[in-house]
Amino acid sequence: MTLFDDTSGPDELICSSKGCTAPAAHEVRWNNPKLHTPDRRKVWLACDAHEPTLRGFLDARDFYRETVSL
């Protein structure tokens, strides 16, 4: 039997870009106005290299709201 507690989980935040295993340095915050209230923010984690790509993907769809450094 394995026991889990609330402190188990990843020690390091990893970039959300597909296939990337680099540590995250940013929170790319977004929302889809067709699905979310204006104040709700979804978060993708991004390394320095992938922050512009993830931001651009969201911005092209008018989902991008802001990027915050971790």
N, C-alpha and C. Protein backbone atom coordinates (compact mmCIF):
# COMPACT_ATOMS: atom_id res chain seq x y z
N MET A 1 0.85 -1.18 0.00
CA MET A 1 0.00 0.00 0.00
C MET A 1 0.89 1.24 0.00
N THR A 2 0.56 2.19 -0.85
CA THR A 2 1.31 3.44 -0.93
C THR A 2 0.47 4.56 -0.37
N LEU A 3 1.09 5.36 0.47
CA LEU A 3 0.39 6.50 1.04
C LEU A 3 0.90 7.78 0.40
N PHE A 4 0.00 8.69 0.11
CA PHE A 4 0.36 9.97 -0.46
C PHE A 4 -0.10 11.07 0.48
N ASP A 5 0.68 12.13 0.55
CA ASP A 5 0.24 13.28 1.33
C ASP A 5 0.20 14.50 0.42
N ASP A 6 -0.26 15.61 0.95
CA ASP A 6 -0.42 16.82 0.14
C ASP A 6 0.90 17.43 -0.30
N THR A 7 2.01 16.99 0.27
CA THR A 7 3.30 17.57 -0.10
C THR A 7 3.99 16.79 -1.21
N SER A 8 3.40 15.67 -1.64
CA SER A 8 4.02 14.91 -2.72
C SER A 8 3.73 15.59 -4.05
N GLY A 9 4.61 15.43 -5.00
CA GLY A 9 4.43 16.05 -6.31
C GLY A 9 5.76 16.54 -6.84
N PRO A 10 5.72 17.17 -8.00
CA PRO A 10 6.98 17.62 -8.60
C PRO A 10 7.64 18.71 -7.76
N ASP A 11 8.97 18.62 -7.65
CA ASP A 11 9.73 19.63 -6.92
C ASP A 11 10.01 20.84 -7.79
N GLU A 12 9.90 20.66 -9.11
CA GLU A 12 10.27 21.71 -10.04
C GLU A 12 9.14 21.93 -11.03
N LEU A 13 8.85 23.19 -11.32
CA LEU A 13 7.84 23.52 -12.31
C LEU A 13 8.48 23.42 -13.70
N ILE A 14 7.81 22.73 -14.62
CA ILE A 14 8.34 22.44 -15.94
C ILE A 14 7.53 23.20 -17.00
N CYS A 15 8.20 23.63 -18.03
CA CYS A 15 7.59 24.34 -19.16
C CYS A 15 6.44 23.51 -19.75
N SER A 16 5.36 24.19 -20.12
CA SER A 16 4.18 23.53 -20.69
C SER A 16 4.31 23.23 -22.19
N SER A 17 5.33 23.76 -22.84
CA SER A 17 5.49 23.53 -24.27
C SER A 17 5.72 22.04 -24.53
N LYS A 18 5.06 21.51 -25.55
CA LYS A 18 5.12 20.08 -25.85
C LYS A 18 6.56 19.60 -25.99
N GLY A 19 6.91 18.59 -25.21
CA GLY A 19 8.22 17.96 -25.28
C GLY A 19 9.32 18.68 -24.51
N CYS A 20 9.04 19.85 -23.99
CA CYS A 20 10.07 20.60 -23.27
C CYS A 20 10.16 20.10 -21.83
N THR A 21 11.37 19.96 -21.33
CA THR A 21 11.58 19.53 -19.95
C THR A 21 12.35 20.58 -19.15
N ALA A 22 12.47 21.78 -19.71
CA ALA A 22 13.21 22.86 -19.04
C ALA A 22 12.40 23.42 -17.87
N PRO A 23 13.08 23.94 -16.88
CA PRO A 23 12.38 24.57 -15.76
C PRO A 23 11.59 25.79 -16.24
N ALA A 24 10.42 25.98 -15.67
CA ALA A 24 9.59 27.14 -16.02
C ALA A 24 10.17 28.39 -15.38
N ALA A 25 10.12 29.49 -16.11
CA ALA A 25 10.57 30.78 -15.62
C ALA A 25 9.45 31.81 -15.63
N HIS A 26 8.32 31.46 -16.29
CA HIS A 26 7.22 32.41 -16.46
C HIS A 26 5.87 31.71 -16.33
N GLU A 27 4.87 32.48 -15.93
CA GLU A 27 3.48 32.08 -16.03
C GLU A 27 2.89 32.88 -17.18
N VAL A 28 2.40 32.19 -18.20
CA VAL A 28 1.70 32.85 -19.31
C VAL A 28 0.21 32.72 -18.97
N ARG A 29 -0.41 33.85 -18.65
CA ARG A 29 -1.79 33.85 -18.18
C ARG A 29 -2.73 34.22 -19.33
N TRP A 30 -3.84 33.48 -19.41
CA TRP A 30 -4.76 33.65 -20.52
C TRP A 30 -6.17 33.29 -20.09
N ASN A 31 -7.13 33.63 -20.94
CA ASN A 31 -8.48 33.10 -20.81
C ASN A 31 -9.18 33.13 -22.16
N ASN A 32 -10.13 32.26 -22.32
CA ASN A 32 -10.95 32.21 -23.51
C ASN A 32 -12.26 32.92 -23.17
N PRO A 33 -12.49 34.12 -23.71
CA PRO A 33 -13.67 34.88 -23.31
C PRO A 33 -15.00 34.21 -23.64
N LYS A 34 -14.99 33.23 -24.54
CA LYS A 34 -16.22 32.50 -24.83
C LYS A 34 -16.55 31.48 -23.74
N LEU A 35 -15.54 31.09 -22.95
CA LEU A 35 -15.72 30.07 -21.92
C LEU A 35 -15.55 30.57 -20.50
N HIS A 36 -14.72 31.60 -20.31
CA HIS A 36 -14.33 32.03 -18.97
C HIS A 36 -14.83 33.44 -18.67
N THR A 37 -15.07 33.70 -17.41
CA THR A 37 -15.42 35.05 -16.99
C THR A 37 -14.19 35.94 -17.20
N PRO A 38 -14.37 37.25 -17.38
CA PRO A 38 -13.23 38.14 -17.66
C PRO A 38 -12.11 38.12 -16.62
N ASP A 39 -12.43 37.83 -15.37
CA ASP A 39 -11.41 37.84 -14.32
C ASP A 39 -10.68 36.50 -14.16
N ARG A 40 -11.15 35.45 -14.80
CA ARG A 40 -10.51 34.14 -14.66
C ARG A 40 -9.24 34.09 -15.49
N ARG A 41 -8.21 33.47 -14.94
CA ARG A 41 -6.94 33.29 -15.65
C ARG A 41 -6.53 31.83 -15.62
N LYS A 42 -6.28 31.29 -16.80
CA LYS A 42 -5.67 29.98 -16.94
C LYS A 42 -4.17 30.24 -17.03
N VAL A 43 -3.34 29.26 -16.70
CA VAL A 43 -1.89 29.47 -16.68
C VAL A 43 -1.19 28.35 -17.42
N TRP A 44 -0.30 28.75 -18.31
CA TRP A 44 0.68 27.85 -18.89
C TRP A 44 2.03 28.26 -18.35
N LEU A 45 2.84 27.30 -17.98
CA LEU A 45 4.20 27.59 -17.54
C LEU A 45 5.12 27.60 -18.75
N ALA A 46 6.11 28.48 -18.74
CA ALA A 46 7.01 28.61 -19.89
C ALA A 46 8.44 28.83 -19.45
N CYS A 47 9.37 28.21 -20.16
CA CYS A 47 10.79 28.51 -20.00
C CYS A 47 11.07 29.79 -20.80
N ASP A 48 12.27 30.34 -20.67
CA ASP A 48 12.62 31.56 -21.41
C ASP A 48 12.49 31.36 -22.92
N ALA A 49 12.89 30.19 -23.41
CA ALA A 49 12.88 29.94 -24.85
C ALA A 49 11.47 29.82 -25.43
N HIS A 50 10.52 29.28 -24.66
CA HIS A 50 9.18 29.03 -25.18
C HIS A 50 8.14 30.10 -24.81
N GLU A 51 8.48 31.04 -23.96
CA GLU A 51 7.50 32.07 -23.59
C GLU A 51 7.00 32.84 -24.81
N PRO A 52 7.86 33.29 -25.73
CA PRO A 52 7.35 34.01 -26.90
C PRO A 52 6.42 33.16 -27.78
N THR A 53 6.73 31.88 -27.92
CA THR A 53 5.92 30.99 -28.75
C THR A 53 4.54 30.77 -28.14
N LEU A 54 4.51 30.47 -26.84
CA LEU A 54 3.23 30.26 -26.18
C LEU A 54 2.40 31.55 -26.16
N ARG A 55 3.05 32.67 -25.89
CA ARG A 55 2.36 33.97 -25.89
C ARG A 55 1.80 34.26 -27.28
N GLY A 56 2.57 34.03 -28.32
CA GLY A 56 2.12 34.28 -29.68
C GLY A 56 0.93 33.42 -30.07
N PHE A 57 0.96 32.14 -29.68
CA PHE A 57 -0.16 31.23 -29.96
C PHE A 57 -1.45 31.76 -29.34
N LEU A 58 -1.36 32.18 -28.08
CA LEU A 58 -2.54 32.69 -27.38
C LEU A 58 -2.97 34.05 -27.91
N ASP A 59 -2.01 34.90 -28.21
CA ASP A 59 -2.31 36.25 -28.70
C ASP A 59 -3.03 36.20 -30.05
N ALA A 60 -2.66 35.26 -30.90
CA ALA A 60 -3.30 35.12 -32.21
C ALA A 60 -4.79 34.78 -32.07
N ARG A 61 -5.18 34.22 -30.94
CA ARG A 61 -6.57 33.84 -30.68
C ARG A 61 -7.27 34.82 -29.73
N ASP A 62 -6.58 35.91 -29.38
CA ASP A 62 -7.08 36.90 -28.41
C ASP A 62 -7.33 36.30 -27.03
N PHE A 63 -6.53 35.29 -26.67
CA PHE A 63 -6.63 34.66 -25.35
C PHE A 63 -5.58 35.18 -24.38
N TYR A 64 -4.48 35.70 -24.90
CA TYR A 64 -3.36 36.12 -24.06
C TYR A 64 -3.76 37.31 -23.19
N ARG A 65 -3.34 37.26 -21.89
CA ARG A 65 -3.62 38.36 -20.98
C ARG A 65 -2.33 38.97 -20.43
N GLU A 66 -1.39 38.16 -19.93
CA GLU A 66 -0.16 38.68 -19.39
C GLU A 66 0.84 37.57 -19.13
N THR A 67 2.11 37.97 -19.00
CA THR A 67 3.17 37.04 -18.60
C THR A 67 3.77 37.57 -17.31
N VAL A 68 3.94 36.67 -16.34
CA VAL A 68 4.52 37.02 -15.04
C VAL A 68 5.72 36.12 -14.79
N SER A 69 6.83 36.71 -14.44
CA SER A 69 8.02 35.90 -14.11
C SER A 69 7.83 35.19 -12.78
N LEU A 70 8.35 33.98 -12.71
CA LEU A 70 8.27 33.21 -11.46
C LEU A 70 9.38 33.61 -10.52
